[in-house]
């Protein structure tokens, strides 16, 4: 039998999505990246980035890794509770990106 605690509640999913969105937006802004520029760097659409930052999307773990790589942070930084994330020092970008048109 499967216990109820083996699955996240809808409230827990919402908290995780909100935390991820808050941290992506915070780190993007700290690195002075526009939504358009960051979406190009991360290889995602601007509307999808909007959904992530609003907590309205539930990206797969592989997508969280891509977002973390684009922000030059550990993926755990994107999922850290907001109070903890706000007290940590942001990691400066270690790469230079050139936006190209698709």
Protein backbone atom coordinates (compact mmCIF):
# COMPACT_ATOMS: atom_id res chain seq x y z
CA UNK A 1 0.00 0.00 0.00
CA UNK A 2 1.08 3.56 -0.72
CA UNK A 3 1.01 6.03 2.14
CA UNK A 4 -0.34 9.53 1.65
CA UNK A 5 3.03 11.06 2.52
CA UNK A 6 4.76 9.58 -0.53
CA UNK A 7 3.19 12.31 -2.66
CA UNK A 8 3.30 16.08 -2.31
CA UNK A 9 0.08 17.89 -1.58
CA UNK A 10 -1.17 20.57 -3.95
CA UNK A 11 -0.16 23.17 -1.36
CA UNK A 12 3.38 21.78 -1.24
CA UNK A 13 3.57 21.84 -5.06
CA UNK A 14 2.43 25.46 -5.02
CA UNK A 15 5.03 26.45 -2.42
CA UNK A 16 7.80 24.83 -4.45
CA UNK A 17 6.64 26.49 -7.69
CA UNK A 18 6.39 29.89 -5.97
CA UNK A 19 9.84 29.49 -4.40
CA UNK A 20 11.40 28.46 -7.71
CA UNK A 21 9.78 31.39 -9.51
CA UNK A 22 10.83 33.89 -6.85
CA UNK A 23 14.43 32.68 -6.89
CA UNK A 24 14.71 32.60 -10.70
CA UNK A 25 13.39 36.17 -10.92
CA UNK A 26 15.61 37.36 -8.05
CA UNK A 27 18.78 35.84 -9.46
CA UNK A 28 17.98 37.00 -13.00
CA UNK A 29 17.47 40.56 -11.76
CA UNK A 30 20.61 40.46 -9.59
CA UNK A 31 22.55 39.59 -12.73
CA UNK A 32 20.88 42.46 -14.61
CA UNK A 33 19.36 40.13 -17.18
CA UNK A 34 16.13 41.04 -18.92
CA UNK A 35 13.51 38.36 -19.28
CA UNK A 36 14.17 38.27 -23.03
CA UNK A 37 17.94 37.90 -22.59
CA UNK A 38 17.63 35.25 -19.90
CA UNK A 39 15.10 33.26 -21.93
CA UNK A 40 17.57 33.23 -24.85
CA UNK A 41 20.44 32.14 -22.59
CA UNK A 42 18.35 29.37 -21.01
CA UNK A 43 16.91 28.26 -24.34
CA UNK A 44 13.30 28.72 -23.26
CA UNK A 45 10.49 30.92 -24.49
CA UNK A 46 9.73 34.23 -22.81
CA UNK A 47 6.12 33.14 -22.03
CA UNK A 48 7.45 29.97 -20.36
CA UNK A 49 9.87 32.07 -18.28
CA UNK A 50 6.95 34.29 -17.26
CA UNK A 51 5.03 31.22 -16.07
CA UNK A 52 8.03 29.94 -14.10
CA UNK A 53 8.62 33.31 -12.41
CA UNK A 54 4.92 33.59 -11.51
CA UNK A 55 4.93 30.09 -9.99
CA UNK A 56 2.43 28.95 -12.61
CA UNK A 57 4.64 26.23 -14.07
CA UNK A 58 6.09 23.05 -12.64
CA UNK A 59 9.35 22.45 -14.58
CA UNK A 60 11.00 19.06 -14.67
CA UNK A 61 14.26 18.55 -12.77
CA UNK A 62 16.18 18.70 -16.05
CA UNK A 63 14.68 22.14 -16.74
CA UNK A 64 15.61 23.34 -13.25
CA UNK A 65 19.20 22.26 -13.99
CA UNK A 66 19.14 24.23 -17.26
CA UNK A 67 17.83 27.33 -15.43
CA UNK A 68 20.52 26.95 -12.75
CA UNK A 69 23.24 26.57 -15.38
CA UNK A 70 22.01 29.68 -17.19
CA UNK A 71 22.18 31.60 -13.88
CA UNK A 72 25.55 30.00 -12.93
CA UNK A 73 24.17 28.72 -9.62
CA UNK A 74 23.64 25.35 -7.99
CA UNK A 75 20.09 24.06 -8.64
CA UNK A 76 19.52 23.95 -4.87
CA UNK A 77 19.72 27.75 -4.87
CA UNK A 78 16.61 27.85 -7.04
CA UNK A 79 14.67 25.64 -4.65
CA UNK A 80 15.90 27.17 -1.38
CA UNK A 81 13.21 28.76 0.79
CA UNK A 82 12.95 32.48 0.18
CA UNK A 83 14.40 33.59 3.53
CA UNK A 84 17.47 31.41 3.01
CA UNK A 85 17.83 32.42 -0.63
CA UNK A 86 17.70 36.10 0.28
CA UNK A 87 20.58 35.77 2.73
CA UNK A 88 22.92 33.89 0.39
CA UNK A 89 25.38 35.67 -1.81
CA UNK A 90 24.57 35.40 -5.50
CA UNK A 91 27.13 33.66 -7.65
CA UNK A 92 28.49 36.01 -10.31
CA UNK A 93 28.17 34.82 -13.88
CA UNK A 94 31.20 32.87 -15.00
CA UNK A 95 30.38 32.89 -18.69
CA UNK A 96 29.75 35.45 -21.36
CA UNK A 97 26.76 34.89 -23.60
CA UNK A 98 26.07 36.33 -26.99
CA UNK A 99 22.43 36.43 -27.96
CA UNK A 100 21.74 35.34 -31.50
CA UNK A 101 18.50 35.41 -33.39
CA UNK A 102 16.83 32.08 -33.97
